[in-house]
Amino acid sequence: MLNSQQLIYLITIGLFLIGTQPTIAQSIANIPTRTIRSKLQRIIFKPPANQGKPKSTSSAGSRHDLQCPQDAKSTTTPSNQTPLMSLVPSDSNYGLTTAEHPTFLVYLPQTSAKQLVLSFVKEDNQLHSQTLIPIKGEPGIISIKSADSSPPLEVGKNYQWVLVLTCGEKPSPNDPVITSWVRRVVLPQLQSQQRTTLEQADIYSEQGIWYDALITLAQIRNTQPNNQAIADIWTDFLKSVGLEAIATQPLRL
């Protein structure tokens, strides 16, 4: 008897193999980068209430099966490298977004694989969309998103996003897979005033909007790699959700 996780995986792989035509993911839009002169020194994520959260948000995979077989056998692949993982709060594996096509961050270990397959699955296990994303295989934190031409996420709905690392020419049931959850919400109306991107990230964090806070901070960190104050804010933010282990990994956005 297949469990729910196996069913979702077979749905995404099966639809891909029978002819689903993925679209190459578009690069993420540049977030406006104004000069950062905020007095903010720390941004700590505040989880939202669990209203509307799926009953189960457990992730797939284990450390041993989150790499391609050829990489595991390779003498050039570090034996103790961090495995494939999504940047989501470690205690919930779930996050909110305000975006129709949200951008996710994923840690990608050194790999010979050439592509990822990103799928969104509804709570009734129906496929929402699927996107093929080319990768270079360099270790680091990368950004991924569904194609802009794919259906937008609906407000108030939960989606499981499934990421498959394609080890061969096409996906197979033995490929590494990770899963996380996302829910699109509407950000409460705020007073209109000019804010730096760092202040905007803080607002997202205060409101519990995980994915928007994360990508905003990542963009700031990426554009100011030598700014120690920003590096400290980035580290504290990730530490607040149990992701301190990858805070020093390179950003390849």
C-alpha atoms as a PDB file:
ATOM      1  CA  MET A   1       0.000   0.000   0.000  1.00  0.00           C
ATOM      2  CA  LEU A   2       1.573   3.333  -1.039  1.00  0.00           C
ATOM      3  CA  ASN A   3       1.783   6.039   1.558  1.00  0.00           C
ATOM      4  CA  SER A   4       0.937   9.681   0.787  1.00  0.00           C
ATOM      5  CA  GLN A   5       4.580  10.669   0.210  1.00  0.00           C
ATOM      6  CA  GLN A   6       5.193   7.839  -2.266  1.00  0.00           C
ATOM      7  CA  LEU A   7       1.955   8.679  -4.094  1.00  0.00           C
ATOM      8  CA  ILE A   8       2.927  12.330  -4.533  1.00  0.00           C
ATOM      9  CA  TYR A   9       6.350  11.339  -5.801  1.00  0.00           C
ATOM     10  CA  LEU A  10       4.945   8.884  -8.332  1.00  0.00           C
ATOM     11  CA  ILE A  11       2.439  11.504  -9.534  1.00  0.00           C
ATOM     12  CA  THR A  12       5.140  14.084 -10.220  1.00  0.00           C
ATOM     13  CA  ILE A  13       7.569  11.672 -11.860  1.00  0.00           C
ATOM     14  CA  GLY A  14       4.848   9.848 -13.782  1.00  0.00           C
ATOM     15  CA  LEU A  15       3.440  13.012 -15.314  1.00  0.00           C
ATOM     16  CA  PHE A  16       6.922  14.147 -16.270  1.00  0.00           C
ATOM     17  CA  LEU A  17       7.749  10.848 -17.993  1.00  0.00           C
ATOM     18  CA  ILE A  18       4.499  10.596 -19.978  1.00  0.00           C
ATOM     19  CA  GLY A  19       4.997  13.921 -21.639  1.00  0.00           C
ATOM     20  CA  THR A  20       4.561  16.855 -19.302  1.00  0.00           C
ATOM     21  CA  GLN A  21       6.547  19.603 -20.957  1.00  0.00           C
ATOM     22  CA  PRO A  22       8.390  21.626 -18.328  1.00  0.00           C
ATOM     23  CA  THR A  23       9.327  25.223 -18.859  1.00  0.00           C
ATOM     24  CA  ILE A  24      12.771  26.570 -18.104  1.00  0.00           C
ATOM     25  CA  ALA A  25      12.543  28.596 -14.908  1.00  0.00           C
ATOM     26  CA  GLN A  26      12.932  32.297 -15.285  1.00  0.00           C
ATOM     27  CA  SER A  27      15.627  34.063 -13.282  1.00  0.00           C
ATOM     28  CA  ILE A  28      14.296  35.754 -10.186  1.00  0.00           C
ATOM     29  CA  ALA A  29      13.403  39.410 -10.482  1.00  0.00           C
ATOM     30  CA  ASN A  30      15.881  41.775  -8.947  1.00  0.00           C
ATOM     31  CA  ILE A  31      14.639  43.196  -5.681  1.00  0.00           C
ATOM     32  CA  PRO A  32      15.241  46.980  -5.553  1.00  0.00           C
ATOM     33  CA  THR A  33      18.537  47.621  -3.807  1.00  0.00           C
ATOM     34  CA  ARG A  34      18.461  50.962  -2.038  1.00  0.00           C
ATOM     35  CA  THR A  35      21.319  52.046   0.151  1.00  0.00           C
ATOM     36  CA  ILE A  36      20.988  50.258   3.476  1.00  0.00           C
ATOM     37  CA  ARG A  37      21.223  52.749   6.327  1.00  0.00           C
ATOM     38  CA  SER A  38      18.791  51.123   8.697  1.00  0.00           C
ATOM     39  CA  LYS A  39      19.494  50.862  12.402  1.00  0.00           C
ATOM     40  CA  LEU A  40      18.345  47.233  12.299  1.00  0.00           C
ATOM     41  CA  GLN A  41      20.935  44.919  13.797  1.00  0.00           C
ATOM     42  CA  ARG A  42      18.948  41.690  14.038  1.00  0.00           C
ATOM     43  CA  ILE A  43      16.020  40.114  12.212  1.00  0.00           C
ATOM     44  CA  ILE A  44      14.483  37.171  14.021  1.00  0.00           C
ATOM     45  CA  PHE A  45      11.753  35.218  12.274  1.00  0.00           C
ATOM     46  CA  LYS A  46       8.444  35.042  14.107  1.00  0.00           C
ATOM     47  CA  PRO A  47       6.433  31.977  13.044  1.00  0.00           C
ATOM     48  CA  PRO A  48       2.770  32.616  12.189  1.00  0.00           C
ATOM     49  CA  ALA A  49      -0.177  30.938  13.868  1.00  0.00           C
ATOM     50  CA  ASN A  50      -0.847  27.438  12.563  1.00  0.00           C
ATOM     51  CA  GLN A  51      -4.257  28.292  11.153  1.00  0.00           C
ATOM     52  CA  GLY A  52      -4.691  26.571   7.800  1.00  0.00           C
ATOM     53  CA  LYS A  53      -1.469  24.601   8.089  1.00  0.00           C
ATOM     54  CA  PRO A  54      -1.517  21.063   6.602  1.00  0.00           C
ATOM     55  CA  LYS A  55      -1.815  18.235   9.121  1.00  0.00           C
ATOM     56  CA  SER A  56       1.510  16.755   8.057  1.00  0.00           C
ATOM     57  CA  THR A  57       4.448  18.737   6.673  1.00  0.00           C
ATOM     58  CA  SER A  58       7.213  16.161   7.024  1.00  0.00           C
ATOM     59  CA  SER A  59       9.900  16.165   4.342  1.00  0.00           C
ATOM     60  CA  ALA A  60      11.092  13.295   2.168  1.00  0.00           C
ATOM     61  CA  GLY A  61      14.564  11.865   2.018  1.00  0.00           C
ATOM     62  CA  SER A  62      17.447  11.130   4.356  1.00  0.00           C
ATOM     63  CA  ARG A  63      21.064  12.180   4.303  1.00  0.00           C
ATOM     64  CA  HIS A  64      22.080   8.975   2.528  1.00  0.00           C
ATOM     65  CA  ASP A  65      19.623   9.193  -0.371  1.00  0.00           C
ATOM     66  CA  LEU A  66      19.892  12.936  -1.046  1.00  0.00           C
ATOM     67  CA  GLN A  67      22.724  12.610  -3.516  1.00  0.00           C
ATOM     68  CA  CYS A  68      23.104  10.947  -6.894  1.00  0.00           C
ATOM     69  CA  PRO A  69      24.657   7.458  -6.911  1.00  0.00           C
ATOM     70  CA  GLN A  70      27.482   8.598  -9.190  1.00  0.00           C
ATOM     71  CA  ASP A  71      28.277  11.436  -6.792  1.00  0.00           C
ATOM     72  CA  ALA A  72      28.349   9.086  -3.813  1.00  0.00           C
ATOM     73  CA  LYS A  73      30.935   6.931  -5.620  1.00  0.00           C
ATOM     74  CA  SER A  74      33.002   9.835  -6.932  1.00  0.00           C
ATOM     75  CA  THR A  75      36.404  10.428  -5.347  1.00  0.00           C
ATOM     76  CA  THR A  76      36.076  14.171  -6.013  1.00  0.00           C
ATOM     77  CA  THR A  77      32.850  14.578  -4.032  1.00  0.00           C
ATOM     78  CA  PRO A  78      33.387  15.451  -0.324  1.00  0.00           C
ATOM     79  CA  SER A  79      32.151  12.584   1.839  1.00  0.00           C
ATOM     80  CA  ASN A  80      30.838  14.868   4.578  1.00  0.00           C
ATOM     81  CA  GLN A  81      29.182  17.543   2.467  1.00  0.00           C
ATOM     82  CA  THR A  82      25.795  18.982   3.406  1.00  0.00           C
ATOM     83  CA  PRO A  83      23.007  17.131   1.543  1.00  0.00           C
ATOM     84  CA  LEU A  84      20.342  18.627  -0.707  1.00  0.00           C
ATOM     85  CA  MET A  85      17.974  20.647   1.480  1.00  0.00           C
ATOM     86  CA  SER A  86      15.337  23.363   1.292  1.00  0.00           C
ATOM     87  CA  LEU A  87      15.698  26.524   3.367  1.00  0.00           C
ATOM     88  CA  VAL A  88      12.539  26.366   5.468  1.00  0.00           C
ATOM     89  CA  PRO A  89      12.046  26.499   9.253  1.00  0.00           C
ATOM     90  CA  SER A  90      13.389  23.174  10.527  1.00  0.00           C
ATOM     91  CA  ASP A  91      10.568  22.632  13.014  1.00  0.00           C
ATOM     92  CA  SER A  92       7.707  23.064  10.526  1.00  0.00           C
ATOM     93  CA  ASN A  93       8.967  22.521   6.948  1.00  0.00           C
ATOM     94  CA  TYR A  94       6.335  25.109   6.004  1.00  0.00           C
ATOM     95  CA  GLY A  95       6.234  28.770   5.104  1.00  0.00           C
ATOM     96  CA  LEU A  96       4.038  31.608   3.870  1.00  0.00           C
ATOM     97  CA  THR A  97       4.452  33.819   0.816  1.00  0.00           C
ATOM     98  CA  THR A  98       2.637  36.735  -0.795  1.00  0.00           C
ATOM     99  CA  ALA A  99       3.897  35.857  -4.293  1.00  0.00           C
ATOM    100  CA  GLU A 100       1.956  34.217  -7.106  1.00  0.00           C
ATOM    101  CA  HIS A 101       5.183  32.503  -8.155  1.00  0.00           C
ATOM    102  CA  PRO A 102       7.338  32.398  -5.026  1.00  0.00           C
ATOM    103  CA  THR A 103      11.091  32.038  -5.080  1.00  0.00           C
ATOM    104  CA  PHE A 104      12.593  29.314  -2.893  1.00  0.00           C
ATOM    105  CA  LEU A 105      16.142  28.866  -1.697  1.00  0.00           C
ATOM    106  CA  VAL A 106      17.742  25.428  -1.736  1.00  0.00           C
ATOM    107  CA  TYR A 107      21.154  24.212  -0.692  1.00  0.00           C
ATOM    108  CA  LEU A 108      22.627  22.246  -3.591  1.00  0.00           C
ATOM    109  CA  PRO A 109      25.659  20.046  -2.813  1.00  0.00           C
ATOM    110  CA  GLN A 110      28.382  19.408  -5.359  1.00  0.00           C
ATOM    111  CA  THR A 111      26.801  17.198  -7.999  1.00  0.00           C
ATOM    112  CA  SER A 112      27.181  15.922 -11.551  1.00  0.00           C
ATOM    113  CA  ALA A 113      23.426  16.337 -12.108  1.00  0.00           C
ATOM    114  CA  LYS A 114      22.368  18.916 -14.677  1.00  0.00           C
ATOM    115  CA  GLN A 115      18.796  19.724 -13.711  1.00  0.00           C
ATOM    116  CA  LEU A 116      16.128  19.907 -11.047  1.00  0.00           C
ATOM    117  CA  VAL A 117      12.401  19.333 -11.458  1.00  0.00           C
ATOM    118  CA  LEU A 118      10.198  21.613  -9.331  1.00  0.00           C
ATOM    119  CA  SER A 119       6.581  20.494  -8.930  1.00  0.00           C
ATOM    120  CA  PHE A 120       3.681  21.979  -6.984  1.00  0.00           C
ATOM    121  CA  VAL A 121       1.091  19.521  -5.687  1.00  0.00           C
ATOM    122  CA  LYS A 122      -2.271  20.503  -4.217  1.00  0.00           C
ATOM    123  CA  GLU A 123      -3.534  19.072  -0.947  1.00  0.00           C
ATOM    124  CA  ASP A 124      -5.748  16.666  -2.897  1.00  0.00           C
ATOM    125  CA  ASN A 125      -2.566  15.286  -4.568  1.00  0.00           C
ATOM    126  CA  GLN A 126      -3.368  16.895  -7.934  1.00  0.00           C
ATOM    127  CA  LEU A 127      -0.418  18.323  -9.840  1.00  0.00           C
ATOM    128  CA  HIS A 128      -0.560  22.137 -10.032  1.00  0.00           C
ATOM    129  CA  SER A 129       2.528  22.856 -12.138  1.00  0.00           C
ATOM    130  CA  GLN A 130       5.967  21.550 -13.031  1.00  0.00           C
ATOM    131  CA  THR A 131       9.140  23.327 -14.099  1.00  0.00           C
ATOM    132  CA  LEU A 132      12.529  22.092 -15.296  1.00  0.00           C
ATOM    133  CA  ILE A 133      15.442  24.059 -13.832  1.00  0.00           C
ATOM    134  CA  PRO A 134      18.995  23.722 -15.237  1.00  0.00           C
ATOM    135  CA  ILE A 135      21.825  23.735 -12.675  1.00  0.00           C
ATOM    136  CA  LYS A 136      25.609  23.998 -12.792  1.00  0.00           C
ATOM    137  CA  GLY A 137      26.242  21.519  -9.995  1.00  0.00           C
ATOM    138  CA  GLU A 138      28.359  23.862  -7.888  1.00  0.00           C
ATOM    139  CA  PRO A 139      27.796  23.641  -4.115  1.00  0.00           C
ATOM    140  CA  GLY A 140      25.940  26.539  -2.546  1.00  0.00           C
ATOM    141  CA  ILE A 141      22.546  28.124  -1.952  1.00  0.00           C
ATOM    142  CA  ILE A 142      20.586  28.613  -5.171  1.00  0.00           C
ATOM    143  CA  SER A 143      17.219  30.206  -5.953  1.00  0.00           C
ATOM    144  CA  ILE A 144      14.445  28.375  -7.789  1.00  0.00           C
ATOM    145  CA  LYS A 145      10.925  29.288  -8.874  1.00  0.00           C
ATOM    146  CA  SER A 146       8.206  28.029 -11.172  1.00  0.00           C
ATOM    147  CA  ALA A 147       7.935  29.502 -14.641  1.00  0.00           C
ATOM    148  CA  ASP A 148       5.977  32.756 -14.859  1.00  0.00           C
ATOM    149  CA  SER A 149       3.743  31.059 -17.426  1.00  0.00           C
ATOM    150  CA  SER A 150       2.639  28.415 -14.908  1.00  0.00           C
ATOM    151  CA  PRO A 151      -0.614  28.843 -12.936  1.00  0.00           C
ATOM    152  CA  PRO A 152      -0.239  31.198  -9.950  1.00  0.00           C
ATOM    153  CA  LEU A 153      -0.678  29.937  -6.421  1.00  0.00           C
ATOM    154  CA  GLU A 154      -4.127  30.714  -5.048  1.00  0.00           C
ATOM    155  CA  VAL A 155      -4.479  32.796  -1.894  1.00  0.00           C
ATOM    156  CA  GLY A 156      -5.339  30.686   1.147  1.00  0.00           C
ATOM    157  CA  LYS A 157      -4.325  27.365  -0.429  1.00  0.00           C
ATOM    158  CA  ASN A 158      -1.554  25.014   0.698  1.00  0.00           C
ATOM    159  CA  TYR A 159       0.811  23.464  -1.820  1.00  0.00           C
ATOM    160  CA  GLN A 160       3.514  20.900  -1.375  1.00  0.00           C
ATOM    161  CA  TRP A 161       6.513  21.764  -3.470  1.00  0.00           C
ATOM    162  CA  VAL A 162       8.518  18.767  -4.565  1.00  0.00           C
ATOM    163  CA  LEU A 163      12.095  19.093  -5.792  1.00  0.00           C
ATOM    164  CA  VAL A 164      13.740  16.223  -7.663  1.00  0.00           C
ATOM    165  CA  LEU A 165      17.462  16.176  -8.456  1.00  0.00           C
ATOM    166  CA  THR A 166      17.651  14.468 -11.856  1.00  0.00           C
ATOM    167  CA  CYS A 167      20.702  12.210 -11.793  1.00  0.00           C
ATOM    168  CA  GLY A 168      20.401  10.877 -15.350  1.00  0.00           C
ATOM    169  CA  GLU A 169      19.064  12.075 -18.675  1.00  0.00           C
ATOM    170  CA  LYS A 170      15.504  12.031 -17.321  1.00  0.00           C
ATOM    171  CA  PRO A 171      13.872  11.659 -13.872  1.00  0.00           C
ATOM    172  CA  SER A 172      13.680   8.219 -12.274  1.00  0.00           C
ATOM    173  CA  PRO A 173      12.073   6.928  -9.042  1.00  0.00           C
ATOM    174  CA  ASN A 174      15.542   6.605  -7.490  1.00  0.00           C
ATOM    175  CA  ASP A 175      16.436  10.284  -7.853  1.00  0.00           C
ATOM    176  CA  PRO A 176      16.924  12.353  -4.670  1.00  0.00           C
ATOM    177  CA  VAL A 177      13.758  14.232  -3.680  1.00  0.00           C
ATOM    178  CA  ILE A 178      12.895  16.780  -1.005  1.00  0.00           C
ATOM    179  CA  THR A 179       9.495  18.261  -0.187  1.00  0.00           C
ATOM    180  CA  SER A 180       8.299  21.345   1.680  1.00  0.00           C
ATOM    181  CA  TRP A 181       5.081  23.338   1.986  1.00  0.00           C
ATOM    182  CA  VAL A 182       3.962  26.827   1.028  1.00  0.00           C
ATOM    183  CA  ARG A 183       0.766  28.834   1.524  1.00  0.00           C
ATOM    184  CA  ARG A 184       0.023  32.092  -0.266  1.00  0.00           C
ATOM    185  CA  VAL A 185      -1.429  34.873   1.881  1.00  0.00           C
ATOM    186  CA  VAL A 186      -2.180  38.569   1.562  1.00  0.00           C
ATOM    187  CA  LEU A 187       0.117  40.844   3.531  1.00  0.00           C
ATOM    188  CA  PRO A 188      -1.846  43.099   5.912  1.00  0.00           C
ATOM    189  CA  GLN A 189      -2.167  46.689   4.717  1.00  0.00           C
ATOM    190  CA  LEU A 190       0.718  48.762   6.042  1.00  0.00           C
ATOM    191  CA  GLN A 191       1.183  52.495   6.296  1.00  0.00           C
ATOM    192  CA  SER A 192       2.630  53.857   3.094  1.00  0.00           C
ATOM    193  CA  GLN A 193       6.184  55.032   3.613  1.00  0.00           C
ATOM    194  CA  GLN A 194       9.557  54.520   2.039  1.00  0.00           C
ATOM    195  CA  ARG A 195      11.528  51.631   3.462  1.00  0.00           C
ATOM    196  CA  THR A 196      14.893  50.070   2.762  1.00  0.00           C
ATOM    197  CA  THR A 197      14.908  46.477   1.576  1.00  0.00           C
ATOM    198  CA  LEU A 198      16.293  45.488   4.971  1.00  0.00           C
ATOM    199  CA  GLU A 199      13.324  47.107   6.700  1.00  0.00           C
ATOM    200  CA  GLN A 200      10.994  45.321   4.288  1.00  0.00           C
ATOM    201  CA  ALA A 201      12.621  41.992   5.178  1.00  0.00           C
ATOM    202  CA  ASP A 202      12.027  42.786   8.840  1.00  0.00           C
ATOM    203  CA  ILE A 203       8.326  43.463   8.145  1.00  0.00           C
ATOM    204  CA  TYR A 204       7.976  40.135   6.352  1.00  0.00           C
ATOM    205  CA  SER A 205       9.671  38.412   9.283  1.00  0.00           C
ATOM    206  CA  GLU A 206       7.451  40.110  11.863  1.00  0.00           C
ATOM    207  CA  GLN A 207       4.372  39.017   9.870  1.00  0.00           C
ATOM    208  CA  GLY A 208       5.602  35.426   9.598  1.00  0.00           C
ATOM    209  CA  ILE A 209       5.995  35.591   5.795  1.00  0.00           C
ATOM    210  CA  TRP A 210       8.951  33.200   5.588  1.00  0.00           C
ATOM    211  CA  TYR A 211       9.717  32.909   1.878  1.00  0.00           C
ATOM    212  CA  ASP A 212       9.496  36.653   1.194  1.00  0.00           C
ATOM    213  CA  ALA A 213      11.693  37.526   4.181  1.00  0.00           C
ATOM    214  CA  LEU A 214      14.242  34.886   3.155  1.00  0.00           C
ATOM    215  CA  ILE A 215      14.660  35.910  -0.489  1.00  0.00           C
ATOM    216  CA  THR A 216      14.779  39.613   0.409  1.00  0.00           C
ATOM    217  CA  LEU A 217      17.578  39.041   2.918  1.00  0.00           C
ATOM    218  CA  ALA A 218      19.389  36.717   0.524  1.00  0.00           C
ATOM    219  CA  GLN A 219      19.364  39.387  -2.186  1.00  0.00           C
ATOM    220  CA  ILE A 220      20.802  41.924   0.237  1.00  0.00           C
ATOM    221  CA  ARG A 221      23.469  39.478   1.385  1.00  0.00           C
ATOM    222  CA  ASN A 222      24.296  38.590  -2.216  1.00  0.00           C
ATOM    223  CA  THR A 223      24.813  42.215  -3.280  1.00  0.00           C
ATOM    224  CA  GLN A 224      26.925  43.070  -0.207  1.00  0.00           C
ATOM    225  CA  PRO A 225      29.080  39.968   0.375  1.00  0.00           C
ATOM    226  CA  ASN A 226      31.729  41.886   2.327  1.00  0.00           C
ATOM    227  CA  ASN A 227      29.339  43.695   4.677  1.00  0.00           C
ATOM    228  CA  GLN A 228      29.836  42.052   8.071  1.00  0.00           C
ATOM    229  CA  ALA A 229      26.733  43.668   9.574  1.00  0.00           C
ATOM    230  CA  ILE A 230      24.581  42.135   6.846  1.00  0.00           C
ATOM    231  CA  ALA A 231      26.367  38.794   7.251  1.00  0.00           C
ATOM    232  CA  ASP A 232      25.522  38.828  10.968  1.00  0.00           C
ATOM    233  CA  ILE A 233      21.852  39.631  10.269  1.00  0.00           C
ATOM    234  CA  TRP A 234      21.706  36.799   7.728  1.00  0.00           C
ATOM    235  CA  THR A 235      23.251  34.345  10.206  1.00  0.00           C
ATOM    236  CA  ASP A 236      20.949  35.365  13.068  1.00  0.00           C
ATOM    237  CA  PHE A 237      17.900  35.081  10.806  1.00  0.00           C
ATOM    238  CA  LEU A 238      18.765  31.537   9.726  1.00  0.00           C
ATOM    239  CA  LYS A 239      19.721  30.579  13.272  1.00  0.00           C
ATOM    240  CA  SER A 240      16.271  31.633  14.499  1.00  0.00           C
ATOM    241  CA  VAL A 241      14.723  28.751  12.506  1.00  0.00           C
ATOM    242  CA  GLY A 242      17.437  26.132  12.984  1.00  0.00           C
ATOM    243  CA  LEU A 243      19.372  26.727   9.752  1.00  0.00           C
ATOM    244  CA  GLU A 244      22.622  28.036  11.221  1.00  0.00           C
ATOM    245  CA  ALA A 245      24.568  25.090   9.762  1.00  0.00           C
ATOM    246  CA  ILE A 246      24.351  26.555   6.243  1.00  0.00           C
ATOM    247  CA  ALA A 247      24.544  30.250   7.096  1.00  0.00           C
ATOM    248  CA  THR A 248      28.100  30.488   5.771  1.00  0.00           C
ATOM    249  CA  GLN A 249      27.464  28.597   2.530  1.00  0.00           C
ATOM    250  CA  PRO A 250      27.977  30.655  -0.652  1.00  0.00           C
ATOM    251  CA  LEU A 251      24.981  32.279  -2.311  1.00  0.00           C
ATOM    252  CA  ARG A 252      24.679  31.526  -6.028  1.00  0.00           C
ATOM    253  CA  LEU A 253      21.549  33.501  -6.865  1.00  0.00           C
END
